[in-house]
């Protein structure tokens, strides 16, 4: 089950912890192929910059260009963000829990 908290980040019920878990997404630009699939799936979360690489965007729509920059995953976009990670040809999109940084979607997901 998923719910949305007040800062609009996605949270998923974590039965082991007995509480919600916020999710965040980041892109490894070193692996980005610039195909733009992520921006097609979730333009509210991803954007291609003038360098041809994809970056995440803040909840305020600001492009976050720092290496390793993370953005919260809004609940209504969880499926689109998950599909972006799954279909990314560069395997560069990582979605992880905020609390323990464990990847739940992406190339390093267990």
PDB file of N, CA and C in Angstrom:
ATOM      1  N   UNK A   1       0.836  -1.175   0.000  1.00  0.00           N
ATOM      2  CA  UNK A   1       0.000   0.000   0.000  1.00  0.00           C
ATOM      3  C   UNK A   1       0.878   1.235   0.000  1.00  0.00           C
ATOM      4  N   UNK A   2       0.487   2.276  -0.737  1.00  0.00           N
ATOM      5  CA  UNK A   2       1.236   3.519  -0.731  1.00  0.00           C
ATOM      6  C   UNK A   2       0.335   4.659  -0.311  1.00  0.00           C
ATOM      7  N   UNK A   3       0.925   5.648   0.308  1.00  0.00           N
ATOM      8  CA  UNK A   3       0.216   6.856   0.721  1.00  0.00           C
ATOM      9  C   UNK A   3       1.112   8.040   0.409  1.00  0.00           C
ATOM     10  N   UNK A   4       0.568   9.247   0.517  1.00  0.00           N
ATOM     11  CA  UNK A   4       1.362  10.426   0.232  1.00  0.00           C
ATOM     12  C   UNK A   4       1.489  11.259   1.490  1.00  0.00           C
ATOM     13  N   UNK A   5       2.701  11.688   1.806  1.00  0.00           N
ATOM     14  CA  UNK A   5       2.875  12.518   2.986  1.00  0.00           C
ATOM     15  C   UNK A   5       2.815  13.988   2.609  1.00  0.00           C
ATOM     16  N   UNK A   6       2.959  14.868   3.609  1.00  0.00           N
ATOM     17  CA  UNK A   6       2.739  16.290   3.384  1.00  0.00           C
ATOM     18  C   UNK A   6       3.739  16.936   2.442  1.00  0.00           C
ATOM     19  N   UNK A   7       4.933  16.389   2.245  1.00  0.00           N
ATOM     20  CA  UNK A   7       5.870  16.997   1.321  1.00  0.00           C
ATOM     21  C   UNK A   7       5.771  16.388  -0.080  1.00  0.00           C
ATOM     22  N   UNK A   8       4.711  15.679  -0.335  1.00  0.00           N
ATOM     23  CA  UNK A   8       4.368  15.126  -1.639  1.00  0.00           C
ATOM     24  C   UNK A   8       5.320  14.042  -2.125  1.00  0.00           C
ATOM     25  N   UNK A   9       6.147  13.503  -1.259  1.00  0.00           N
ATOM     26  CA  UNK A   9       7.008  12.395  -1.645  1.00  0.00           C
ATOM     27  C   UNK A   9       6.211  11.104  -1.531  1.00  0.00           C
ATOM     28  N   UNK A  10       6.551  10.153  -2.366  1.00  0.00           N
ATOM     29  CA  UNK A  10       5.884   8.869  -2.301  1.00  0.00           C
ATOM     30  C   UNK A  10       6.319   8.143  -1.048  1.00  0.00           C
ATOM     31  N   UNK A  11       5.375   7.516  -0.403  1.00  0.00           N
ATOM     32  CA  UNK A  11       5.692   6.666   0.726  1.00  0.00           C
ATOM     33  C   UNK A  11       5.010   5.335   0.520  1.00  0.00           C
ATOM     34  N   UNK A  12       5.700   4.288   0.842  1.00  0.00           N
ATOM     35  CA  UNK A  12       5.143   2.942   0.711  1.00  0.00           C
ATOM     36  C   UNK A  12       5.158   2.292   2.076  1.00  0.00           C
ATOM     37  N   UNK A  13       4.101   1.589   2.396  1.00  0.00           N
ATOM     38  CA  UNK A  13       4.042   0.917   3.683  1.00  0.00           C
ATOM     39  C   UNK A  13       5.143  -0.136   3.747  1.00  0.00           C
ATOM     40  N   UNK A  14       5.915  -0.090   4.804  1.00  0.00           N
ATOM     41  CA  UNK A  14       6.990  -1.044   5.023  1.00  0.00           C
ATOM     42  C   UNK A  14       6.589  -1.927   6.199  1.00  0.00           C
ATOM     43  N   UNK A  15       6.097  -3.135   5.910  1.00  0.00           N
ATOM     44  CA  UNK A  15       5.614  -3.996   6.984  1.00  0.00           C
ATOM     45  C   UNK A  15       6.670  -4.297   8.037  1.00  0.00           C
ATOM     46  N   UNK A  16       7.914  -4.404   7.640  1.00  0.00           N
ATOM     47  CA  UNK A  16       8.969  -4.726   8.596  1.00  0.00           C
ATOM     48  C   UNK A  16       9.166  -3.590   9.591  1.00  0.00           C
ATOM     49  N   UNK A  17       9.092  -2.363   9.113  1.00  0.00           N
ATOM     50  CA  UNK A  17       9.302  -1.211   9.987  1.00  0.00           C
ATOM     51  C   UNK A  17       8.003  -0.738  10.615  1.00  0.00           C
ATOM     52  N   UNK A  18       6.880  -1.172  10.078  1.00  0.00           N
ATOM     53  CA  UNK A  18       5.601  -0.774  10.623  1.00  0.00           C
ATOM     54  C   UNK A  18       5.210   0.651  10.289  1.00  0.00           C
ATOM     55  N   UNK A  19       5.844   1.231   9.264  1.00  0.00           N
ATOM     56  CA  UNK A  19       5.516   2.612   8.918  1.00  0.00           C
ATOM     57  C   UNK A  19       5.799   2.926   7.460  1.00  0.00           C
ATOM     58  N   UNK A  20       5.526   4.144   7.065  1.00  0.00           N
ATOM     59  CA  UNK A  20       5.717   4.534   5.670  1.00  0.00           C
ATOM     60  C   UNK A  20       7.182   4.813   5.348  1.00  0.00           C
ATOM     61  N   UNK A  21       7.530   4.639   4.105  1.00  0.00           N
ATOM     62  CA  UNK A  21       8.883   4.886   3.610  1.00  0.00           C
ATOM     63  C   UNK A  21       8.805   5.826   2.416  1.00  0.00           C
ATOM     64  N   UNK A  22       9.471   6.972   2.480  1.00  0.00           N
ATOM     65  CA  UNK A  22       9.535   7.907   1.370  1.00  0.00           C
ATOM     66  C   UNK A  22      10.532   7.385   0.337  1.00  0.00           C
ATOM     67  N   UNK A  23      10.271   7.664  -0.934  1.00  0.00           N
ATOM     68  CA  UNK A  23      11.155   7.259  -2.028  1.00  0.00           C
ATOM     69  C   UNK A  23      11.749   8.479  -2.700  1.00  0.00           C
ATOM     70  N   UNK A  24      12.973   8.307  -3.211  1.00  0.00           N
ATOM     71  CA  UNK A  24      13.637   9.359  -3.972  1.00  0.00           C
ATOM     72  C   UNK A  24      14.255   8.739  -5.212  1.00  0.00           C
ATOM     73  N   UNK A  25      14.533   9.581  -6.212  1.00  0.00           N
ATOM     74  CA  UNK A  25      15.098   9.105  -7.470  1.00  0.00           C
ATOM     75  C   UNK A  25      16.326   9.942  -7.807  1.00  0.00           C
ATOM     76  N   UNK A  26      17.307   9.304  -8.426  1.00  0.00           N
ATOM     77  CA  UNK A  26      18.475  10.011  -8.931  1.00  0.00           C
ATOM     78  C   UNK A  26      18.940   9.346 -10.216  1.00  0.00           C
ATOM     79  N   UNK A  27      19.718  10.078 -10.997  1.00  0.00           N
ATOM     80  CA  UNK A  27      20.226   9.585 -12.284  1.00  0.00           C
ATOM     81  C   UNK A  27      21.745   9.636 -12.269  1.00  0.00           C
ATOM     82  N   UNK A  28      22.363   8.561 -12.729  1.00  0.00           N
ATOM     83  CA  UNK A  28      23.813   8.516 -12.907  1.00  0.00           C
ATOM     84  C   UNK A  28      24.097   9.018 -14.325  1.00  0.00           C
ATOM     85  N   UNK A  29      24.467  10.283 -14.443  1.00  0.00           N
ATOM     86  CA  UNK A  29      24.691  10.875 -15.765  1.00  0.00           C
ATOM     87  C   UNK A  29      25.846  10.213 -16.519  1.00  0.00           C
ATOM     88  N   UNK A  30      26.764   9.563 -15.815  1.00  0.00           N
ATOM     89  CA  UNK A  30      27.866   8.865 -16.496  1.00  0.00           C
ATOM     90  C   UNK A  30      27.347   7.713 -17.357  1.00  0.00           C
ATOM     91  N   UNK A  31      26.164   7.191 -17.021  1.00  0.00           N
ATOM     92  CA  UNK A  31      25.591   6.076 -17.773  1.00  0.00           C
ATOM     93  C   UNK A  31      24.444   6.505 -18.685  1.00  0.00           C
ATOM     94  N   UNK A  32      23.999   7.756 -18.560  1.00  0.00           N
ATOM     95  CA  UNK A  32      22.847   8.234 -19.327  1.00  0.00           C
ATOM     96  C   UNK A  32      23.166   8.257 -20.821  1.00  0.00           C
ATOM     97  N   UNK A  33      22.258   7.699 -21.618  1.00  0.00           N
ATOM     98  CA  UNK A  33      22.430   7.667 -23.066  1.00  0.00           C
ATOM     99  C   UNK A  33      21.703   8.820 -23.759  1.00  0.00           C
ATOM    100  N   UNK A  34      20.925   9.585 -23.005  1.00  0.00           N
ATOM    101  CA  UNK A  34      20.221  10.729 -23.571  1.00  0.00           C
ATOM    102  C   UNK A  34      19.025  10.376 -24.430  1.00  0.00           C
ATOM    103  N   UNK A  35      18.512   9.167 -24.303  1.00  0.00           N
ATOM    104  CA  UNK A  35      17.360   8.750 -25.102  1.00  0.00           C
ATOM    105  C   UNK A  35      16.088   9.520 -24.747  1.00  0.00           C
ATOM    106  N   UNK A  36      15.977   9.976 -23.509  1.00  0.00           N
ATOM    107  CA  UNK A  36      14.831  10.771 -23.101  1.00  0.00           C
ATOM    108  C   UNK A  36      13.580   9.992 -22.758  1.00  0.00           C
ATOM    109  N   UNK A  37      13.695   8.682 -22.630  1.00  0.00           N
ATOM    110  CA  UNK A  37      12.531   7.862 -22.280  1.00  0.00           C
ATOM    111  C   UNK A  37      11.973   8.311 -20.932  1.00  0.00           C
ATOM    112  N   UNK A  38      12.851   8.624 -19.992  1.00  0.00           N
ATOM    113  CA  UNK A  38      12.394   9.045 -18.663  1.00  0.00           C
ATOM    114  C   UNK A  38      11.570  10.326 -18.744  1.00  0.00           C
ATOM    115  N   UNK A  39      12.026  11.280 -19.541  1.00  0.00           N
ATOM    116  CA  UNK A  39      11.301  12.546 -19.676  1.00  0.00           C
ATOM    117  C   UNK A  39       9.973  12.353 -20.395  1.00  0.00           C
ATOM    118  N   UNK A  40       9.884  11.338 -21.239  1.00  0.00           N
ATOM    119  CA  UNK A  40       8.606  11.031 -21.890  1.00  0.00           C
ATOM    120  C   UNK A  40       7.634  10.424 -20.889  1.00  0.00           C
ATOM    121  N   UNK A  41       8.112   9.516 -20.039  1.00  0.00           N
ATOM    122  CA  UNK A  41       7.265   8.869 -19.036  1.00  0.00           C
ATOM    123  C   UNK A  41       6.838   9.834 -17.931  1.00  0.00           C
ATOM    124  N   UNK A  42       7.787  10.607 -17.410  1.00  0.00           N
ATOM    125  CA  UNK A  42       7.514  11.460 -16.245  1.00  0.00           C
ATOM    126  C   UNK A  42       8.199  12.820 -16.397  1.00  0.00           C
ATOM    127  N   UNK A  43       7.670  13.681 -17.261  1.00  0.00           N
ATOM    128  CA  UNK A  43       8.307  14.996 -17.469  1.00  0.00           C
ATOM    129  C   UNK A  43       8.284  15.883 -16.226  1.00  0.00           C
ATOM    130  N   UNK A  44       7.441  15.564 -15.255  1.00  0.00           N
ATOM    131  CA  UNK A  44       7.418  16.327 -14.012  1.00  0.00           C
ATOM    132  C   UNK A  44       8.616  16.001 -13.125  1.00  0.00           C
ATOM    133  N   UNK A  45       9.258  14.860 -13.395  1.00  0.00           N
ATOM    134  CA  UNK A  45      10.375  14.389 -12.562  1.00  0.00           C
ATOM    135  C   UNK A  45      11.703  14.449 -13.304  1.00  0.00           C
ATOM    136  N   UNK A  46      11.705  14.201 -14.610  1.00  0.00           N
ATOM    137  CA  UNK A  46      12.930  14.120 -15.405  1.00  0.00           C
ATOM    138  C   UNK A  46      12.919  15.152 -16.530  1.00  0.00           C
ATOM    139  N   UNK A  47      14.121  15.611 -16.886  1.00  0.00           N
ATOM    140  CA  UNK A  47      14.255  16.551 -18.004  1.00  0.00           C
ATOM    141  C   UNK A  47      15.623  16.382 -18.640  1.00  0.00           C
ATOM    142  N   UNK A  48      15.682  16.509 -19.963  1.00  0.00           N
ATOM    143  CA  UNK A  48      16.961  16.512 -20.656  1.00  0.00           C
ATOM    144  C   UNK A  48      17.498  17.934 -20.652  1.00  0.00           C
ATOM    145  N   UNK A  49      18.772  18.090 -20.345  1.00  0.00           N
ATOM    146  CA  UNK A  49      19.399  19.411 -20.342  1.00  0.00           C
ATOM    147  C   UNK A  49      20.085  19.646 -21.682  1.00  0.00           C
ATOM    148  N   UNK A  50      20.672  20.823 -21.852  1.00  0.00           N
ATOM    149  CA  UNK A  50      21.317  21.157 -23.120  1.00  0.00           C
ATOM    150  C   UNK A  50      22.505  20.254 -23.423  1.00  0.00           C
ATOM    151  N   UNK A  51      23.046  19.585 -22.408  1.00  0.00           N
ATOM    152  CA  UNK A  51      24.148  18.647 -22.635  1.00  0.00           C
ATOM    153  C   UNK A  51      23.659  17.304 -23.175  1.00  0.00           C
ATOM    154  N   UNK A  52      22.319  17.143 -23.316  1.00  0.00           N
ATOM    155  CA  UNK A  52      21.753  15.918 -23.857  1.00  0.00           C
ATOM    156  C   UNK A  52      21.537  14.819 -22.838  1.00  0.00           C
ATOM    157  N   UNK A  53      21.815  15.102 -21.563  1.00  0.00           N
ATOM    158  CA  UNK A  53      21.664  14.100 -20.514  1.00  0.00           C
ATOM    159  C   UNK A  53      20.429  14.395 -19.673  1.00  0.00           C
ATOM    160  N   UNK A  54      19.907  13.357 -19.048  1.00  0.00           N
ATOM    161  CA  UNK A  54      18.719  13.495 -18.206  1.00  0.00           C
ATOM    162  C   UNK A  54      19.121  13.840 -16.777  1.00  0.00           C
ATOM    163  N   UNK A  55      18.268  14.634 -16.145  1.00  0.00           N
ATOM    164  CA  UNK A  55      18.437  15.034 -14.751  1.00  0.00           C
ATOM    165  C   UNK A  55      17.081  14.960 -14.057  1.00  0.00           C
ATOM    166  N   UNK A  56      17.102  14.885 -12.730  1.00  0.00           N
ATOM    167  CA  UNK A  56      15.861  14.930 -11.966  1.00  0.00           C
ATOM    168  C   UNK A  56      15.515  16.391 -11.691  1.00  0.00           C
ATOM    169  N   UNK A  57      14.228  16.607 -11.377  1.00  0.00           N
ATOM    170  CA  UNK A  57      13.755  17.945 -11.057  1.00  0.00           C
ATOM    171  C   UNK A  57      13.182  17.954  -9.644  1.00  0.00           C
ATOM    172  N   UNK A  58      13.322  19.085  -8.985  1.00  0.00           N
ATOM    173  CA  UNK A  58      12.766  19.245  -7.643  1.00  0.00           C
ATOM    174  C   UNK A  58      11.247  19.374  -7.745  1.00  0.00           C
ATOM    175  N   UNK A  59      10.577  19.345  -6.603  1.00  0.00           N
ATOM    176  CA  UNK A  59       9.131  19.542  -6.590  1.00  0.00           C
ATOM    177  C   UNK A  59       8.749  20.926  -7.081  1.00  0.00           C
ATOM    178  N   UNK A  60       9.708  21.868  -7.062  1.00  0.00           N
ATOM    179  CA  UNK A  60       9.484  23.219  -7.561  1.00  0.00           C
ATOM    180  C   UNK A  60       9.850  23.354  -9.033  1.00  0.00           C
ATOM    181  N   UNK A  61      10.080  22.225  -9.715  1.00  0.00           N
ATOM    182  CA  UNK A  61      10.386  22.176 -11.145  1.00  0.00           C
ATOM    183  C   UNK A  61      11.794  22.686 -11.478  1.00  0.00           C
ATOM    184  N   UNK A  62      12.687  22.722 -10.487  1.00  0.00           N
ATOM    185  CA  UNK A  62      14.060  23.153 -10.707  1.00  0.00           C
ATOM    186  C   UNK A  62      14.897  21.957 -11.160  1.00  0.00           C
ATOM    187  N   UNK A  63      15.651  22.130 -12.234  1.00  0.00           N
ATOM    188  CA  UNK A  63      16.534  21.078 -12.725  1.00  0.00           C
ATOM    189  C   UNK A  63      17.714  20.942 -11.765  1.00  0.00           C
ATOM    190  N   UNK A  64      17.940  19.734 -11.262  1.00  0.00           N
ATOM    191  CA  UNK A  64      19.000  19.475 -10.284  1.00  0.00           C
ATOM    192  C   UNK A  64      20.194  18.853 -11.007  1.00  0.00           C
ATOM    193  N   UNK A  65      21.219  19.645 -11.265  1.00  0.00           N
ATOM    194  CA  UNK A  65      22.343  19.209 -12.089  1.00  0.00           C
ATOM    195  C   UNK A  65      23.556  18.733 -11.317  1.00  0.00           C
ATOM    196  N   UNK A  66      23.500  18.773  -9.996  1.00  0.00           N
ATOM    197  CA  UNK A  66      24.630  18.299  -9.212  1.00  0.00           C
ATOM    198  C   UNK A  66      24.712  16.778  -9.330  1.00  0.00           C
ATOM    199  N   UNK A  67      25.908  16.211  -9.442  1.00  0.00           N
ATOM    200  CA  UNK A  67      26.028  14.752  -9.492  1.00  0.00           C
ATOM    201  C   UNK A  67      25.410  14.110  -8.250  1.00  0.00           C
ATOM    202  N   UNK A  68      24.584  13.116  -8.455  1.00  0.00           N
ATOM    203  CA  UNK A  68      23.947  12.409  -7.353  1.00  0.00           C
ATOM    204  C   UNK A  68      22.749  13.115  -6.751  1.00  0.00           C
ATOM    205  N   UNK A  69      22.317  14.222  -7.348  1.00  0.00           N
ATOM    206  CA  UNK A  69      21.158  14.953  -6.814  1.00  0.00           C
ATOM    207  C   UNK A  69      19.930  14.052  -6.840  1.00  0.00           C
ATOM    208  N   UNK A  70      19.154  14.122  -5.766  1.00  0.00           N
ATOM    209  CA  UNK A  70      17.953  13.301  -5.663  1.00  0.00           C
ATOM    210  C   UNK A  70      16.714  14.183  -5.641  1.00  0.00           C
ATOM    211  N   UNK A  71      15.608  13.597  -6.049  1.00  0.00           N
ATOM    212  CA  UNK A  71      14.311  14.266  -6.007  1.00  0.00           C
ATOM    213  C   UNK A  71      13.299  13.294  -5.424  1.00  0.00           C
ATOM    214  N   UNK A  72      12.334  13.812  -4.651  1.00  0.00           N
ATOM    215  CA  UNK A  72      11.285  12.927  -4.137  1.00  0.00           C
ATOM    216  C   UNK A  72      10.430  12.397  -5.280  1.00  0.00           C
ATOM    217  N   UNK A  73       9.882  11.216  -5.091  1.00  0.00           N
ATOM    218  CA  UNK A  73       9.006  10.607  -6.088  1.00  0.00           C
ATOM    219  C   UNK A  73       7.554  10.877  -5.672  1.00  0.00           C
ATOM    220  N   UNK A  74       6.854  11.761  -6.386  1.00  0.00           N
ATOM    221  CA  UNK A  74       5.444  12.010  -6.049  1.00  0.00           C
ATOM    222  C   UNK A  74       4.596  10.764  -6.293  1.00  0.00           C
ATOM    223  N   UNK A  75       3.696  10.488  -5.392  1.00  0.00           N
ATOM    224  CA  UNK A  75       2.860   9.292  -5.473  1.00  0.00           C
ATOM    225  C   UNK A  75       2.164   9.126  -6.823  1.00  0.00           C
ATOM    226  N   UNK A  76       1.548  10.164  -7.381  1.00  0.00           N
ATOM    227  CA  UNK A  76       0.862   9.957  -8.664  1.00  0.00           C
ATOM    228  C   UNK A  76       1.799   9.557  -9.811  1.00  0.00           C
ATOM    229  N   UNK A  77       3.109   9.753  -9.620  1.00  0.00           N
ATOM    230  CA  UNK A  77       4.070   9.454 -10.683  1.00  0.00           C
ATOM    231  C   UNK A  77       4.902   8.208 -10.406  1.00  0.00           C
ATOM    232  N   UNK A  78       4.591   7.488  -9.347  1.00  0.00           N
ATOM    233  CA  UNK A  78       5.389   6.319  -8.981  1.00  0.00           C
ATOM    234  C   UNK A  78       5.476   5.306 -10.108  1.00  0.00           C
ATOM    235  N   UNK A  79       4.371   4.980 -10.734  1.00  0.00           N
ATOM    236  CA  UNK A  79       4.385   3.986 -11.817  1.00  0.00           C
ATOM    237  C   UNK A  79       5.239   4.490 -12.980  1.00  0.00           C
ATOM    238  N   UNK A  80       5.089   5.762 -13.335  1.00  0.00           N
ATOM    239  CA  UNK A  80       5.870   6.317 -14.441  1.00  0.00           C
ATOM    240  C   UNK A  80       7.373   6.333 -14.129  1.00  0.00           C
ATOM    241  N   UNK A  81       7.718   6.676 -12.899  1.00  0.00           N
ATOM    242  CA  UNK A  81       9.127   6.679 -12.498  1.00  0.00           C
ATOM    243  C   UNK A  81       9.670   5.255 -12.494  1.00  0.00           C
ATOM    244  N   UNK A  82       8.899   4.310 -11.976  1.00  0.00           N
ATOM    245  CA  UNK A  82       9.320   2.902 -11.968  1.00  0.00           C
ATOM    246  C   UNK A  82       9.525   2.399 -13.397  1.00  0.00           C
ATOM    247  N   UNK A  83       8.607   2.706 -14.299  1.00  0.00           N
ATOM    248  CA  UNK A  83       8.739   2.279 -15.699  1.00  0.00           C
ATOM    249  C   UNK A  83       9.937   2.947 -16.365  1.00  0.00           C
ATOM    250  N   UNK A  84      10.210   4.190 -16.008  1.00  0.00           N
ATOM    251  CA  UNK A  84      11.392   4.877 -16.542  1.00  0.00           C
ATOM    252  C   UNK A  84      12.653   4.124 -16.161  1.00  0.00           C
ATOM    253  N   UNK A  85      12.741   3.729 -14.889  1.00  0.00           N
ATOM    254  CA  UNK A  85      13.911   2.978 -14.426  1.00  0.00           C
ATOM    255  C   UNK A  85      14.012   1.636 -15.137  1.00  0.00           C
ATOM    256  N   UNK A  86      12.868   0.980 -15.324  1.00  0.00           N
ATOM    257  CA  UNK A  86      12.851  -0.340 -15.955  1.00  0.00           C
ATOM    258  C   UNK A  86      13.242  -0.266 -17.438  1.00  0.00           C
ATOM    259  N   UNK A  87      12.763   0.757 -18.142  1.00  0.00           N
ATOM    260  CA  UNK A  87      12.970   0.842 -19.586  1.00  0.00           C
ATOM    261  C   UNK A  87      14.185   1.664 -20.012  1.00  0.00           C
ATOM    262  N   UNK A  88      14.884   2.254 -19.067  1.00  0.00           N
ATOM    263  CA  UNK A  88      16.032   3.098 -19.388  1.00  0.00           C
ATOM    264  C   UNK A  88      17.131   2.271 -20.061  1.00  0.00           C
ATOM    265  N   UNK A  89      17.530   2.630 -21.298  1.00  0.00           N
ATOM    266  CA  UNK A  89      18.567   1.849 -21.978  1.00  0.00           C
ATOM    267  C   UNK A  89      19.944   1.971 -21.330  1.00  0.00           C
ATOM    268  N   UNK A  90      20.175   3.036 -20.575  1.00  0.00           N
ATOM    269  CA  UNK A  90      21.463   3.213 -19.910  1.00  0.00           C
ATOM    270  C   UNK A  90      21.513   2.641 -18.511  1.00  0.00           C
ATOM    271  N   UNK A  91      20.376   2.098 -18.027  1.00  0.00           N
ATOM    272  CA  UNK A  91      20.302   1.587 -16.647  1.00  0.00           C
ATOM    273  C   UNK A  91      20.890   2.596 -15.660  1.00  0.00           C
ATOM    274  N   UNK A  92      20.452   3.859 -15.792  1.00  0.00           N
ATOM    275  CA  UNK A  92      21.041   4.912 -14.964  1.00  0.00           C
ATOM    276  C   UNK A  92      20.066   5.533 -13.971  1.00  0.00           C
ATOM    277  N   UNK A  93      18.816   5.076 -13.921  1.00  0.00           N
ATOM    278  CA  UNK A  93      17.820   5.649 -13.024  1.00  0.00           C
ATOM    279  C   UNK A  93      17.700   4.770 -11.787  1.00  0.00           C
ATOM    280  N   UNK A  94      17.836   5.402 -10.627  1.00  0.00           N
ATOM    281  CA  UNK A  94      17.831   4.694  -9.353  1.00  0.00           C
ATOM    282  C   UNK A  94      16.731   5.256  -8.460  1.00  0.00           C
ATOM    283  N   UNK A  95      15.855   4.391  -7.979  1.00  0.00           N
ATOM    284  CA  UNK A  95      14.799   4.778  -7.038  1.00  0.00           C
ATOM    285  C   UNK A  95      15.080   4.038  -5.742  1.00  0.00           C
ATOM    286  N   UNK A  96      15.175   4.799  -4.658  1.00  0.00           N
ATOM    287  CA  UNK A  96      15.544   4.187  -3.384  1.00  0.00           C
ATOM    288  C   UNK A  96      14.722   4.775  -2.241  1.00  0.00           C
ATOM    289  N   UNK A  97      14.709   4.011  -1.147  1.00  0.00           N
ATOM    290  CA  UNK A  97      14.066   4.491   0.069  1.00  0.00           C
ATOM    291  C   UNK A  97      14.930   5.594   0.671  1.00  0.00           C
ATOM    292  N   UNK A  98      14.288   6.623   1.166  1.00  0.00           N
ATOM    293  CA  UNK A  98      15.019   7.728   1.775  1.00  0.00           C
ATOM    294  C   UNK A  98      15.690   7.294   3.072  1.00  0.00           C
ATOM    295  N   UNK A  99      15.012   6.490   3.866  1.00  0.00           N
ATOM    296  CA  UNK A  99      15.496   6.151   5.208  1.00  0.00           C
ATOM    297  C   UNK A  99      16.804   5.373   5.220  1.00  0.00           C
ATOM    298  N   UNK A 100      16.942   4.382   4.345  1.00  0.00           N
ATOM    299  CA  UNK A 100      18.141   3.543   4.385  1.00  0.00           C
ATOM    300  C   UNK A 100      18.893   3.476   3.055  1.00  0.00           C
ATOM    301  N   UNK A 101      18.427   4.242   2.077  1.00  0.00           N
ATOM    302  CA  UNK A 101      19.079   4.333   0.761  1.00  0.00           C
ATOM    303  C   UNK A 101      19.110   3.005   0.008  1.00  0.00           C
ATOM    304  N   UNK A 102      18.227   2.090   0.346  1.00  0.00           N
ATOM    305  CA  UNK A 102      18.148   0.813  -0.374  1.00  0.00           C
ATOM    306  C   UNK A 102      17.375   1.035  -1.666  1.00  0.00           C
ATOM    307  N   UNK A 103      17.973   0.614  -2.766  1.00  0.00           N
ATOM    308  CA  UNK A 103      17.349   0.773  -4.075  1.00  0.00           C
ATOM    309  C   UNK A 103      16.192  -0.209  -4.233  1.00  0.00           C
ATOM    310  N   UNK A 104      15.039   0.310  -4.636  1.00  0.00           N
ATOM    311  CA  UNK A 104      13.857  -0.527  -4.830  1.00  0.00           C
ATOM    312  C   UNK A 104      13.512  -0.719  -6.305  1.00  0.00           C
ATOM    313  N   UNK A 105      13.936   0.205  -7.154  1.00  0.00           N
ATOM    314  CA  UNK A 105      13.798   0.094  -8.608  1.00  0.00           C
ATOM    315  C   UNK A 105      15.070   0.620  -9.235  1.00  0.00           C
ATOM    316  N   UNK A 106      15.522  -0.028 -10.289  1.00  0.00           N
ATOM    317  CA  UNK A 106      16.728   0.395 -10.978  1.00  0.00           C
ATOM    318  C   UNK A 106      17.732  -0.728 -11.066  1.00  0.00           C
ATOM    319  N   UNK A 107      18.915  -0.443 -11.610  1.00  0.00           N
ATOM    320  CA  UNK A 107      19.898  -1.497 -11.863  1.00  0.00           C
ATOM    321  C   UNK A 107      20.450  -2.157 -10.616  1.00  0.00           C
ATOM    322  N   UNK A 108      20.401  -1.480  -9.470  1.00  0.00           N
ATOM    323  CA  UNK A 108      20.960  -2.050  -8.245  1.00  0.00           C
ATOM    324  C   UNK A 108      19.890  -2.581  -7.298  1.00  0.00           C
ATOM    325  N   UNK A 109      18.629  -2.651  -7.769  1.00  0.00           N
ATOM    326  CA  UNK A 109      17.532  -3.140  -6.916  1.00  0.00           C
ATOM    327  C   UNK A 109      17.736  -4.620  -6.621  1.00  0.00           C
ATOM    328  N   UNK A 110      17.418  -4.972  -5.391  1.00  0.00           N
ATOM    329  CA  UNK A 110      17.585  -6.373  -4.974  1.00  0.00           C
ATOM    330  C   UNK A 110      16.399  -7.193  -5.340  1.00  0.00           C
TER     331      UNK A 110
END
